[in-house]
Protein backbone atom coordinates (compact mmCIF):
# COMPACT_ATOMS: atom_id res chain seq x y z
CA MET A 1 98.28 -33.96 -30.97
CA GLU A 2 99.57 -33.12 -34.68
CA ASN A 3 97.37 -35.99 -36.75
CA ALA A 4 94.57 -34.12 -34.43
CA ALA A 5 94.89 -30.71 -35.31
CA ALA A 6 95.58 -31.88 -38.88
CA THR A 7 92.17 -33.99 -38.80
CA LEU A 8 90.61 -30.95 -36.89
CA ASN A 9 91.51 -28.67 -39.85
CA ASP A 10 89.61 -30.72 -42.27
CA LEU A 11 86.61 -30.94 -40.45
CA SER A 12 86.63 -27.61 -40.01
CA ARG A 13 86.94 -27.10 -43.54
CA HIS A 14 84.16 -28.83 -43.98
CA CYS A 15 82.09 -27.11 -41.23
CA GLN A 16 82.28 -23.20 -42.85
CA SER A 17 81.45 -24.82 -46.62
CA ALA A 18 78.15 -26.43 -44.69
CA GLY A 19 77.70 -23.05 -42.66
CA ILE A 20 77.89 -24.11 -38.83
CA GLY A 21 79.97 -23.79 -36.18
CA LEU A 22 82.99 -25.90 -35.09
CA VAL A 23 83.02 -25.79 -30.62
CA LEU A 24 85.64 -27.62 -29.26
CA GLU A 25 84.88 -29.35 -25.25
CA ASN A 26 87.43 -29.59 -22.44
CA ILE A 27 87.45 -32.98 -21.96
CA LEU A 28 87.90 -35.02 -18.35
CA PRO A 29 91.84 -34.95 -17.42
CA HIS A 30 92.50 -38.28 -18.47
CA LEU A 31 91.81 -38.14 -21.40
CA PHE A 32 93.64 -37.17 -25.06
CA SER A 33 93.24 -32.94 -25.20
CA GLY A 34 91.99 -32.74 -21.02
CA HIS A 35 94.06 -30.34 -19.94
CA ILE A 36 93.55 -26.96 -21.45
CA CYS A 37 97.29 -26.46 -22.39
CA ASP A 38 95.88 -29.33 -24.62
CA LEU A 39 93.07 -27.70 -25.76
CA LEU A 40 94.80 -24.68 -26.78
CA TRP A 41 97.79 -25.94 -28.37
CA ILE A 42 95.61 -27.38 -30.97
CA LEU A 43 93.68 -24.11 -30.96
CA GLY A 44 97.30 -22.79 -31.99
CA ALA A 45 98.19 -25.41 -35.35
CA LEU A 46 94.27 -24.99 -36.76
CA GLU A 47 94.65 -22.86 -39.94
CA THR A 48 91.58 -21.39 -38.76
CA THR A 49 90.47 -19.07 -35.93
CA ASP A 50 86.84 -19.91 -36.76
CA VAL A 51 87.15 -22.96 -34.04
CA GLY A 52 85.48 -21.66 -30.35
CA ILE A 53 85.45 -23.46 -27.32
CA CYS A 54 82.26 -25.24 -24.76
CA LEU A 55 84.07 -24.89 -21.53
CA GLU A 56 82.86 -27.56 -19.36
CA THR A 57 82.51 -26.29 -15.94
CA GLY A 58 83.11 -29.96 -14.51
CA HIS A 59 86.02 -31.24 -16.66
CA ALA A 60 87.65 -28.24 -16.03
CA SER A 61 87.03 -28.23 -12.19
CA LEU A 62 88.41 -32.29 -12.18
CA SER A 63 91.95 -31.01 -14.47
CA GLY A 64 92.87 -28.51 -12.45
CA ASP A 65 92.27 -25.72 -14.59
CA LEU A 66 88.96 -24.31 -13.09
CA LYS A 67 90.68 -21.75 -11.30
CA THR A 68 92.29 -20.08 -14.60
CA VAL A 69 90.69 -21.75 -17.15
CA ALA A 70 87.89 -18.04 -18.18
CA HIS A 71 91.36 -15.97 -18.16
CA LYS A 72 93.28 -18.61 -20.26
CA LEU A 73 90.63 -19.20 -23.09
CA SER A 74 89.73 -15.83 -23.17
CA GLY A 75 87.73 -15.22 -26.67
CA HIS A 76 87.48 -18.74 -27.56
CA PRO A 77 84.20 -19.88 -25.31
CA TRP A 78 81.21 -19.91 -27.13
CA MET A 79 79.60 -21.66 -25.16
CA VAL A 80 79.65 -23.68 -21.21
CA HIS A 81 78.36 -26.35 -20.14
CA ALA A 82 77.61 -25.63 -16.27
CA SER A 83 78.02 -28.45 -14.41
CA ASP A 84 78.87 -29.16 -10.77
CA ASN A 85 80.76 -32.08 -8.74
CA ASN A 86 82.54 -32.49 -5.85
CA GLY A 87 85.67 -32.74 -6.58
CA THR A 88 86.69 -36.11 -7.86
CA PHE A 89 84.13 -37.56 -10.21
CA ASP A 90 82.00 -36.25 -12.99
CA ASP A 91 78.56 -35.89 -11.19
CA HIS A 92 76.59 -33.15 -13.56
CA LEU A 93 75.21 -32.29 -10.66
CA PRO A 94 73.44 -28.50 -11.00
CA PRO A 95 75.41 -25.80 -10.43
CA GLY A 96 75.71 -25.16 -7.24
CA ASP A 97 75.15 -28.58 -5.45
CA GLY A 98 78.61 -29.50 -5.37
CA LYS A 99 82.02 -27.69 -4.54
CA ILE A 100 82.82 -25.49 -7.77
CA ALA A 101 83.55 -22.32 -6.60
CA TRP A 102 81.46 -20.41 -9.23
CA THR A 103 81.79 -16.44 -8.50
CA PRO A 104 85.52 -16.92 -9.26
CA LEU A 105 84.21 -18.42 -12.30
CA TRP A 106 82.06 -16.05 -12.97
CA HIS A 107 83.95 -13.34 -12.62
CA GLN A 108 86.04 -14.17 -15.32
CA LEU A 109 83.53 -15.23 -17.42
CA ASP A 110 82.49 -11.36 -16.82
CA ASP A 111 86.12 -10.43 -17.26
CA ALA A 112 86.87 -11.91 -20.58
CA HIS A 113 83.41 -10.81 -21.79
CA PHE A 114 82.25 -13.81 -22.00
CA SER A 115 78.89 -13.20 -24.00
CA GLY A 116 77.72 -16.64 -25.25
CA THR A 117 75.15 -19.45 -24.26
CA ILE A 118 75.24 -21.81 -21.41
CA ILE A 119 73.68 -24.94 -20.93
CA LEU A 120 72.88 -26.88 -17.95
CA GLU A 121 74.82 -30.22 -18.19
CA ILE A 122 73.63 -32.21 -15.67
CA ALA A 123 72.74 -35.99 -14.69
CA GLY A 124 68.73 -37.19 -14.59
CA GLY A 125 67.20 -38.05 -11.91
CA ASP A 126 65.18 -41.34 -11.27
CA SER A 127 61.88 -39.84 -12.82
CA VAL A 128 61.20 -37.16 -15.21
CA PRO A 129 59.71 -34.40 -11.59
CA VAL A 130 63.06 -34.93 -9.55
CA THR A 131 64.92 -34.07 -13.04
CA ARG A 132 62.95 -31.52 -13.35
CA GLU A 133 63.83 -30.30 -9.91
CA ARG A 134 67.35 -30.95 -10.40
CA ALA A 135 67.15 -28.49 -13.54
CA ILE A 136 65.66 -25.95 -11.76
CA ARG A 137 67.49 -25.58 -9.12
CA GLY A 138 71.07 -25.25 -11.46
CA ARG A 139 68.62 -22.34 -13.71
CA GLU A 140 68.23 -20.61 -10.60
CA PHE A 141 71.62 -20.69 -8.82
CA LEU A 142 73.04 -19.22 -12.13
CA GLU A 143 69.94 -16.56 -12.26
CA ARG A 144 70.51 -15.80 -9.09
CA LEU A 145 75.15 -15.81 -9.46
CA THR A 146 74.48 -12.99 -12.37
CA GLN A 147 71.69 -11.26 -11.65
CA ASP A 148 72.60 -7.14 -10.93
CA GLY A 149 76.65 -8.17 -10.92
CA ASN A 150 76.19 -10.97 -8.20
CA HIS A 151 78.45 -13.33 -8.24
CA ASP A 152 77.84 -15.02 -4.83
CA GLY A 153 75.31 -17.59 -4.94
CA THR A 154 73.07 -16.21 -2.97
């Protein structure tokens, strides 16, 4: 972990000198730093506070971190990769098509004053129309979730 932090410190300095941000994504639980506590350790070991987090909802769900992830990462998420799954594989389903409890997650993000970018990270279909339909369905689900403070996805 210390080697990773040292490497990320170097990378962060290069990013800053190039005028670009460095964003770390929570990854799958069986991979290096695949749990939020590991990612938080790395953030704490960095020399700069100018590094953000990309919260990947499907990965957080599979690692068991989703229930408290937004609270634990409070102030760090710069973006969200929104994808759903059924709790076993990184399915990259459109939000609302899997088993992720979106309502509590959106409440946590609201409580943490998240104002970053939300990107749909979904698997494509067998054709462009199928992929487009999945993307539209996921976007509409998230729009309903966030409209007028309605967080139940209906």
